[in-house]
Amino acid sequence: MNIVAFLSYVIITSITPGPSNILMMNEARRFSFMGSWRFSSGILTGFAVLGILSGVLTTGLYNWIPVLEPYFKIIGAAYLLYLAWQVGMPKDTTDNSSGVQSSFLSGFIIQIINVKSILFFLTVMSAFILPFNHSINSIVLCLIVTILLGWSALLLWSGFGSIFKRLFAKHDKLFRVIMSLLLIYSAVSIFL
């Protein structure tokens, strides 16, 4: 396995905008880094569970990945466009739900159905790990590295949301437009 290519793919894909990164940043913007911890820990836990499940399932279903991938892409793009719509729409200021924090379970579910992360782990497993490593120890080590780097990127996005909270609040409409466009870009990039 080419370690440089593997690490480059994992780092670049983890740090680029995706639904979880954007939602964690938005939650930290609304409630601060610590205030958004329940939601963020749900996403982080979901990411780890998704990585483990992907490792187990991909190892067992390695030959089926090319057949299933187009369906994941379509579902994923539709999901990302839905999230873009939700993030981009102006929030009703009379709505009391704007102060309601998201739960651990909602973060966990969002991450488990996050098609960008599903495709990320399928690609890591099918392109970088399984063709070169067949021992369970190597596969587990590569997955641990992948999950830890992914967690780092997610926490970085959450930190940015918390640090730039005032700036984002001042430019709320622009922030929502940019985040929506990034989600739309994520949807389109699935097919590139």
Protein backbone atom coordinates (compact mmCIF):
# COMPACT_ATOMS: atom_id res chain seq x y z
CA MET A 1 0.00 0.00 0.00
CA ASN A 2 1.20 3.49 -0.82
CA ILE A 3 1.10 5.17 2.62
CA VAL A 4 1.42 8.69 1.15
CA ALA A 5 -1.55 8.17 -1.18
CA PHE A 6 -3.58 6.60 1.63
CA LEU A 7 -2.88 9.42 4.11
CA SER A 8 -3.37 12.09 1.45
CA TYR A 9 -6.76 10.71 0.53
CA VAL A 10 -7.88 10.34 4.15
CA ILE A 11 -6.71 13.81 5.23
CA ILE A 12 -7.98 15.69 2.18
CA THR A 13 -11.34 13.92 2.14
CA SER A 14 -11.77 14.37 5.90
CA ILE A 15 -10.99 18.08 5.89
CA THR A 16 -13.08 19.04 2.84
CA PRO A 17 -16.64 20.19 3.47
CA GLY A 18 -19.19 17.50 3.96
CA PRO A 19 -22.50 17.21 5.79
CA SER A 20 -21.03 16.22 9.15
CA ASN A 21 -18.30 18.87 9.07
CA ILE A 22 -20.78 21.58 8.16
CA LEU A 23 -23.41 20.47 10.67
CA MET A 24 -20.84 20.25 13.48
CA MET A 25 -19.59 23.73 12.63
CA ASN A 26 -23.14 25.06 12.55
CA GLU A 27 -24.01 23.46 15.90
CA ALA A 28 -20.85 24.87 17.51
CA ARG A 29 -21.68 28.26 16.00
CA ARG A 30 -25.08 28.14 17.66
CA PHE A 31 -24.11 26.66 21.06
CA SER A 32 -20.27 26.85 21.35
CA PHE A 33 -17.85 23.96 21.17
CA MET A 34 -18.79 22.51 24.55
CA GLY A 35 -22.47 23.34 24.15
CA SER A 36 -22.62 21.28 20.99
CA TRP A 37 -20.77 18.34 22.50
CA ARG A 38 -23.75 15.95 22.66
CA PHE A 39 -24.44 16.37 18.95
CA SER A 40 -20.73 16.29 18.07
CA SER A 41 -20.10 13.15 20.11
CA GLY A 42 -23.01 11.51 18.28
CA ILE A 43 -21.37 12.32 14.96
CA LEU A 44 -17.96 11.16 16.19
CA THR A 45 -19.42 7.91 17.52
CA GLY A 46 -21.37 7.41 14.31
CA PHE A 47 -18.18 7.97 12.30
CA ALA A 48 -16.34 5.29 14.30
CA VAL A 49 -19.26 2.83 14.05
CA LEU A 50 -19.56 3.52 10.32
CA GLY A 51 -15.82 2.89 9.92
CA ILE A 52 -16.00 -0.40 11.79
CA LEU A 53 -19.12 -1.54 9.93
CA SER A 54 -17.58 -0.53 6.61
CA GLY A 55 -14.45 -2.47 7.46
CA VAL A 56 -16.38 -5.60 8.32
CA LEU A 57 -18.89 -5.36 5.46
CA THR A 58 -16.39 -4.29 2.81
CA THR A 59 -14.07 -7.12 3.71
CA GLY A 60 -16.96 -9.56 3.36
CA LEU A 61 -18.57 -7.97 0.30
CA TYR A 62 -15.46 -6.74 -1.54
CA ASN A 63 -16.69 -8.03 -4.92
CA TRP A 64 -20.10 -6.29 -4.63
CA ILE A 65 -18.84 -2.72 -4.09
CA PRO A 66 -18.86 -1.74 -7.81
CA VAL A 67 -22.47 -2.94 -8.10
CA LEU A 68 -23.76 -1.00 -5.06
CA GLU A 69 -21.73 2.21 -5.41
CA PRO A 70 -23.94 3.95 -8.05
CA TYR A 71 -27.00 3.58 -5.79
CA PHE A 72 -25.12 5.03 -2.81
CA LYS A 73 -24.07 7.97 -4.98
CA ILE A 74 -27.64 8.81 -6.02
CA ILE A 75 -29.01 8.50 -2.51
CA GLY A 76 -26.07 10.50 -1.14
CA ALA A 77 -26.46 13.35 -3.62
CA ALA A 78 -30.19 13.61 -2.86
CA TYR A 79 -29.46 13.63 0.89
CA LEU A 80 -26.81 16.35 0.50
CA LEU A 81 -29.18 18.50 -1.57
CA TYR A 82 -31.83 18.11 1.15
CA LEU A 83 -29.30 19.23 3.79
CA ALA A 84 -28.29 22.18 1.58
CA TRP A 85 -31.94 23.22 1.43
CA GLN A 86 -32.31 22.92 5.20
CA VAL A 87 -29.13 24.88 5.97
CA GLY A 88 -29.82 27.55 3.35
CA MET A 89 -33.38 28.36 4.23
CA PRO A 90 -33.85 31.37 6.51
CA LYS A 91 -34.93 30.42 9.99
CA ASP A 92 -38.16 31.84 11.36
CA THR A 93 -37.12 34.13 14.19
CA THR A 94 -40.37 33.47 16.04
CA ASP A 95 -39.67 29.74 16.04
CA ASN A 96 -38.57 28.59 19.48
CA SER A 97 -36.75 25.55 18.10
CA SER A 98 -33.74 27.68 17.06
CA GLY A 99 -32.46 27.46 20.63
CA VAL A 100 -32.94 23.70 20.87
CA GLN A 101 -29.71 21.76 20.82
CA SER A 102 -29.38 18.68 18.70
CA SER A 103 -29.04 15.39 20.54
CA PHE A 104 -26.42 12.64 20.55
CA LEU A 105 -28.89 10.38 18.71
CA SER A 106 -29.55 12.91 15.95
CA GLY A 107 -25.79 13.35 15.40
CA PHE A 108 -25.29 9.60 15.40
CA ILE A 109 -28.09 8.98 12.88
CA ILE A 110 -26.97 11.83 10.62
CA GLN A 111 -23.48 10.33 10.52
CA ILE A 112 -24.60 6.74 9.97
CA ILE A 113 -26.66 7.78 6.91
CA ASN A 114 -24.03 10.28 5.70
CA VAL A 115 -23.31 8.99 2.23
CA LYS A 116 -20.10 11.02 1.92
CA SER A 117 -18.72 9.07 4.89
CA ILE A 118 -20.06 5.77 3.55
CA LEU A 119 -18.36 6.39 0.19
CA PHE A 120 -15.25 7.60 2.02
CA PHE A 121 -14.91 4.33 3.96
CA LEU A 122 -15.82 2.20 0.92
CA THR A 123 -13.09 3.95 -1.06
CA VAL A 124 -10.52 3.64 1.74
CA MET A 125 -11.26 -0.05 2.12
CA SER A 126 -11.55 -0.97 -1.56
CA ALA A 127 -8.79 1.22 -3.02
CA PHE A 128 -6.20 1.53 -0.26
CA ILE A 129 -6.56 -1.25 2.29
CA LEU A 130 -8.01 -4.50 0.92
CA PRO A 131 -5.97 -4.75 -2.30
CA PHE A 132 -2.75 -4.62 -0.25
CA ASN A 133 -3.54 -5.86 3.27
CA HIS A 134 -5.22 -9.12 4.11
CA SER A 135 -4.28 -9.49 7.75
CA ILE A 136 -6.86 -8.41 10.30
CA ASN A 137 -4.18 -6.46 12.21
CA SER A 138 -3.28 -4.35 9.16
CA ILE A 139 -6.91 -3.68 8.32
CA VAL A 140 -7.70 -2.66 11.93
CA LEU A 141 -4.64 -0.41 12.12
CA CYS A 142 -5.55 1.36 8.86
CA LEU A 143 -9.14 1.83 10.04
CA ILE A 144 -7.98 3.25 13.38
CA VAL A 145 -5.74 5.76 11.56
CA THR A 146 -8.62 6.65 9.23
CA ILE A 147 -11.08 7.16 12.11
CA LEU A 148 -8.64 9.24 14.18
CA LEU A 149 -7.83 11.52 11.23
CA GLY A 150 -11.54 11.85 10.46
CA TRP A 151 -12.28 12.74 14.09
CA SER A 152 -9.55 15.38 14.00
CA ALA A 153 -11.10 17.02 10.94
CA LEU A 154 -14.59 16.93 12.44
CA LEU A 155 -13.38 18.52 15.68
CA LEU A 156 -11.49 21.15 13.70
CA TRP A 157 -14.67 22.17 11.89
CA SER A 158 -16.54 22.29 15.20
CA GLY A 159 -13.79 24.46 16.67
CA PHE A 160 -14.04 26.88 13.75
CA GLY A 161 -17.78 27.17 14.30
CA SER A 162 -17.24 28.03 17.95
CA ILE A 163 -14.32 30.42 17.40
CA PHE A 164 -16.00 32.38 14.62
CA LYS A 165 -19.47 32.38 16.23
CA ARG A 166 -19.79 36.18 16.30
CA LEU A 167 -18.56 36.57 12.75
CA PHE A 168 -21.00 33.91 11.52
CA ALA A 169 -23.87 35.50 13.45
CA LYS A 170 -23.10 38.90 11.95
CA HIS A 171 -23.13 37.44 8.44
CA ASP A 172 -25.77 34.74 8.97
CA LYS A 173 -27.31 34.91 5.50
CA LEU A 174 -23.93 34.77 3.76
CA PHE A 175 -22.84 31.93 6.06
CA ARG A 176 -25.97 29.90 5.24
CA VAL A 177 -25.53 30.51 1.50
CA ILE A 178 -21.87 29.45 1.59
CA MET A 179 -22.64 26.34 3.66
CA SER A 180 -25.49 25.43 1.29
CA LEU A 181 -23.22 25.88 -1.73
CA LEU A 182 -20.58 23.69 -0.09
CA LEU A 183 -23.18 20.97 0.46
CA ILE A 184 -24.30 21.28 -3.17
CA TYR A 185 -20.64 21.02 -4.20
CA SER A 186 -20.37 17.87 -2.05
CA ALA A 187 -23.40 16.42 -3.86
CA VAL A 188 -21.93 17.17 -7.28
CA SER A 189 -18.45 15.93 -6.32
CA ILE A 190 -19.85 12.47 -5.60
CA PHE A 191 -20.15 11.99 -9.36
CA LEU A 192 -16.79 13.51 -10.31
